[in-house]
Amino acid sequence: MARRTDNGTIPFGKAVRVGNWKLWRSRCDTKASGIECVNVSTLDGAWMIRIPSTLEMYGWLSVAYRDYMSDDTATKAQGEAVLVTVLSNILYSSSIVNGYYHRALELCATVYVHPQLLDRKSSEHKDFVKELKRLSEEFLDWRRGYDEEMRRHEPTDEQMHQDELAEEALEKLTEETP
């Protein structure tokens, strides 16, 4: 992976590491459209997203990367914090399979578009708060049930001991087999 580019731009065709992420630029398609993308993946490449230059996020990631490549310690730390936070949020939003989580994201986006929902003086505030409370209560009820179900399926000490014995036996068999 590339370590540093001279001009602070995300390298084209060669990944650079930022925290637990790899970033690189490429063409978005095989056609001659000329549209570039910022590619983001986990270090192992198991998850990846392409962000075309036609979206504002492309420019924002480019600026954050330039900050990350700065020689100024504070600017570099800020750039890294922004990149890690934003890229983590993109991963979470595409990986977490929970309706309560996605409803909460939708409410955050709604507040971003309609900030008056947070203003106690606005007519919409009361209904918004009611929706937040309802979502919170439903999530907590769901989570209590989820946690209880997980506890019921936790292996006992005896089961874990039996699994260890089985693994040891398998290792011995594997060692003895030519």
Protein backbone atom coordinates (compact mmCIF):
# COMPACT_ATOMS: atom_id res chain seq x y z
CA MET A 1 0.00 0.00 0.00
CA ALA A 2 1.13 3.51 -0.71
CA ARG A 3 2.32 5.47 2.29
CA ARG A 4 2.22 9.09 1.20
CA THR A 5 1.51 11.13 -1.85
CA ASP A 6 3.44 14.34 -2.46
CA ASN A 7 0.41 16.52 -3.10
CA GLY A 8 -1.92 15.11 -0.41
CA THR A 9 -4.36 13.54 -2.87
CA ILE A 10 -5.73 10.04 -2.53
CA PRO A 11 -3.53 7.89 -4.78
CA PHE A 12 -4.92 6.69 -8.10
CA GLY A 13 -4.89 2.91 -8.44
CA LYS A 14 -2.78 2.28 -5.35
CA ALA A 15 -4.31 1.89 -1.91
CA VAL A 16 -3.21 3.94 1.08
CA ARG A 17 -3.97 2.95 4.65
CA VAL A 18 -5.86 5.22 7.02
CA GLY A 19 -6.48 3.47 10.32
CA ASN A 20 -8.30 0.24 9.52
CA TRP A 21 -9.23 1.42 6.03
CA LYS A 22 -7.74 1.40 2.56
CA LEU A 23 -8.47 4.28 0.17
CA TRP A 24 -7.63 4.75 -3.49
CA ARG A 25 -9.02 6.49 -6.54
CA SER A 26 -10.04 4.80 -9.77
CA ARG A 27 -12.43 5.18 -12.66
CA CYS A 28 -15.99 4.33 -11.70
CA ASP A 29 -16.67 2.35 -14.82
CA THR A 30 -14.89 0.84 -17.77
CA LYS A 31 -16.40 3.36 -20.18
CA ALA A 32 -14.63 6.54 -21.19
CA SER A 33 -16.89 8.71 -19.02
CA GLY A 34 -13.98 10.08 -17.04
CA ILE A 35 -15.81 9.84 -13.73
CA GLU A 36 -13.47 9.05 -10.86
CA CYS A 37 -14.34 7.31 -7.61
CA VAL A 38 -12.86 7.12 -4.19
CA ASN A 39 -12.75 3.45 -3.25
CA VAL A 40 -12.88 2.57 0.42
CA SER A 41 -12.41 -0.91 1.84
CA THR A 42 -11.62 -2.63 5.08
CA LEU A 43 -8.02 -3.81 5.34
CA ASP A 44 -8.99 -7.36 4.39
CA GLY A 45 -11.15 -6.13 1.51
CA ALA A 46 -14.25 -7.94 2.82
CA TRP A 47 -16.27 -4.69 2.65
CA MET A 48 -15.95 -1.98 0.02
CA ILE A 49 -17.75 1.07 -1.31
CA ARG A 50 -17.15 3.30 -4.32
CA ILE A 51 -18.02 6.98 -4.07
CA PRO A 52 -18.20 8.76 -7.44
CA SER A 53 -16.82 12.25 -7.91
CA THR A 54 -20.36 13.40 -8.70
CA LEU A 55 -21.24 13.16 -4.99
CA GLU A 56 -20.20 15.75 -2.41
CA MET A 57 -18.76 12.99 -0.22
CA TYR A 58 -15.99 12.45 -2.80
CA GLY A 59 -14.73 15.99 -2.30
CA TRP A 60 -15.20 15.85 1.43
CA LEU A 61 -13.15 12.65 1.73
CA SER A 62 -10.50 14.17 -0.51
CA VAL A 63 -10.19 17.22 1.76
CA ALA A 64 -10.14 15.06 4.89
CA TYR A 65 -7.40 12.92 3.33
CA ARG A 66 -5.39 16.01 2.43
CA ASP A 67 -5.67 17.09 6.07
CA TYR A 68 -4.62 13.61 7.15
CA MET A 69 -1.48 13.93 5.01
CA SER A 70 -0.60 17.33 6.53
CA ASP A 71 2.70 17.87 8.28
CA ASP A 72 0.82 19.81 10.96
CA THR A 73 0.09 17.43 13.83
CA ALA A 74 -3.29 18.94 14.75
CA THR A 75 -4.50 19.04 11.13
CA LYS A 76 -3.35 15.45 10.58
CA ALA A 77 -5.16 14.25 13.73
CA GLN A 78 -8.33 16.05 12.68
CA GLY A 79 -8.17 14.56 9.17
CA GLU A 80 -7.70 11.07 10.57
CA ALA A 81 -10.55 11.49 13.06
CA VAL A 82 -12.90 12.68 10.32
CA LEU A 83 -11.95 9.85 7.95
CA VAL A 84 -12.20 7.11 10.56
CA THR A 85 -15.53 8.40 11.88
CA VAL A 86 -17.17 8.89 8.49
CA LEU A 87 -15.90 5.63 7.02
CA SER A 88 -16.97 3.73 10.13
CA ASN A 89 -20.44 5.26 9.90
CA ILE A 90 -20.72 4.27 6.24
CA LEU A 91 -19.71 0.70 7.14
CA TYR A 92 -22.16 0.58 10.05
CA SER A 93 -25.07 1.89 8.01
CA SER A 94 -24.47 -0.74 5.33
CA SER A 95 -23.79 -3.63 7.72
CA ILE A 96 -26.07 -3.38 10.75
CA VAL A 97 -29.25 -5.32 10.11
CA ASN A 98 -31.59 -3.80 12.65
CA GLY A 99 -34.70 -1.80 11.91
CA TYR A 100 -34.38 0.28 15.08
CA TYR A 101 -30.87 1.35 14.07
CA HIS A 102 -32.03 2.33 10.59
CA ARG A 103 -35.07 4.18 11.91
CA ALA A 104 -32.72 6.13 14.21
CA LEU A 105 -30.52 6.98 11.20
CA GLU A 106 -33.59 8.16 9.34
CA LEU A 107 -34.54 10.40 12.27
CA CYS A 108 -31.01 11.85 12.34
CA ALA A 109 -31.25 12.61 8.62
CA THR A 110 -34.67 14.16 9.16
CA VAL A 111 -33.26 16.47 11.85
CA TYR A 112 -30.41 17.39 9.52
CA VAL A 113 -32.92 18.49 6.89
CA HIS A 114 -35.43 19.95 9.37
CA PRO A 115 -33.45 21.29 12.37
CA GLN A 116 -36.55 23.02 13.72
CA LEU A 117 -37.59 19.60 15.05
CA LEU A 118 -35.08 20.16 17.86
CA ASP A 119 -36.46 23.61 18.68
CA ARG A 120 -38.78 23.28 21.66
CA LYS A 121 -40.75 26.26 20.34
CA SER A 122 -41.58 24.63 16.99
CA SER A 123 -44.92 22.97 16.46
CA GLU A 124 -43.27 19.75 15.23
CA HIS A 125 -40.99 19.31 18.27
CA LYS A 126 -43.52 17.56 20.52
CA ASP A 127 -44.37 14.91 17.91
CA PHE A 128 -40.69 14.40 17.15
CA VAL A 129 -39.84 13.84 20.81
CA LYS A 130 -42.78 11.45 21.12
CA GLU A 131 -41.41 9.45 18.16
CA LEU A 132 -37.92 9.37 19.72
CA LYS A 133 -39.31 8.10 23.03
CA ARG A 134 -41.41 5.45 21.28
CA LEU A 135 -38.42 4.26 19.25
CA SER A 136 -36.19 4.21 22.34
CA GLU A 137 -38.70 2.18 24.36
CA GLU A 138 -39.29 -0.30 21.54
CA PHE A 139 -35.55 -0.70 21.01
CA LEU A 140 -34.92 -1.31 24.72
CA ASP A 141 -37.72 -3.90 24.84
CA TRP A 142 -36.25 -5.62 21.80
CA ARG A 143 -32.73 -5.48 23.25
CA ARG A 144 -33.81 -7.03 26.55
CA GLY A 145 -35.36 -9.93 24.63
CA TYR A 146 -32.28 -10.24 22.42
CA ASP A 147 -29.92 -10.29 25.41
CA GLU A 148 -32.06 -12.93 27.16
CA GLU A 149 -32.06 -15.10 24.05
CA MET A 150 -28.26 -14.80 23.77
CA ARG A 151 -27.86 -15.80 27.45
CA ARG A 152 -30.00 -18.90 26.87
CA HIS A 153 -27.66 -19.99 24.09
CA GLU A 154 -24.38 -19.36 25.88
CA PRO A 155 -22.41 -22.57 26.27
CA THR A 156 -22.00 -23.95 29.77
CA ASP A 157 -18.57 -24.54 31.29
CA GLU A 158 -19.04 -28.27 30.69
CA GLN A 159 -19.85 -27.70 26.99
CA MET A 160 -16.78 -25.51 26.61
CA HIS A 161 -14.64 -28.17 28.29
CA GLN A 162 -16.03 -30.84 25.95
CA ASP A 163 -15.27 -28.59 22.94
CA GLU A 164 -11.67 -28.17 24.14
CA LEU A 165 -11.27 -31.94 24.52
CA ALA A 166 -12.67 -32.50 21.04
CA GLU A 167 -10.27 -29.93 19.55
CA GLU A 168 -7.30 -31.57 21.32
CA ALA A 169 -8.34 -35.00 20.05
CA LEU A 170 -8.67 -33.66 16.51
CA GLU A 171 -5.22 -32.08 16.71
CA LYS A 172 -3.70 -35.39 17.90
CA LEU A 173 -5.42 -37.28 15.10
CA THR A 174 -4.19 -34.76 12.55
CA GLU A 175 -0.63 -35.01 13.86
CA GLU A 176 -0.67 -38.82 13.73
CA THR A 177 -2.14 -39.05 10.25
CA PRO A 178 0.61 -39.17 7.57
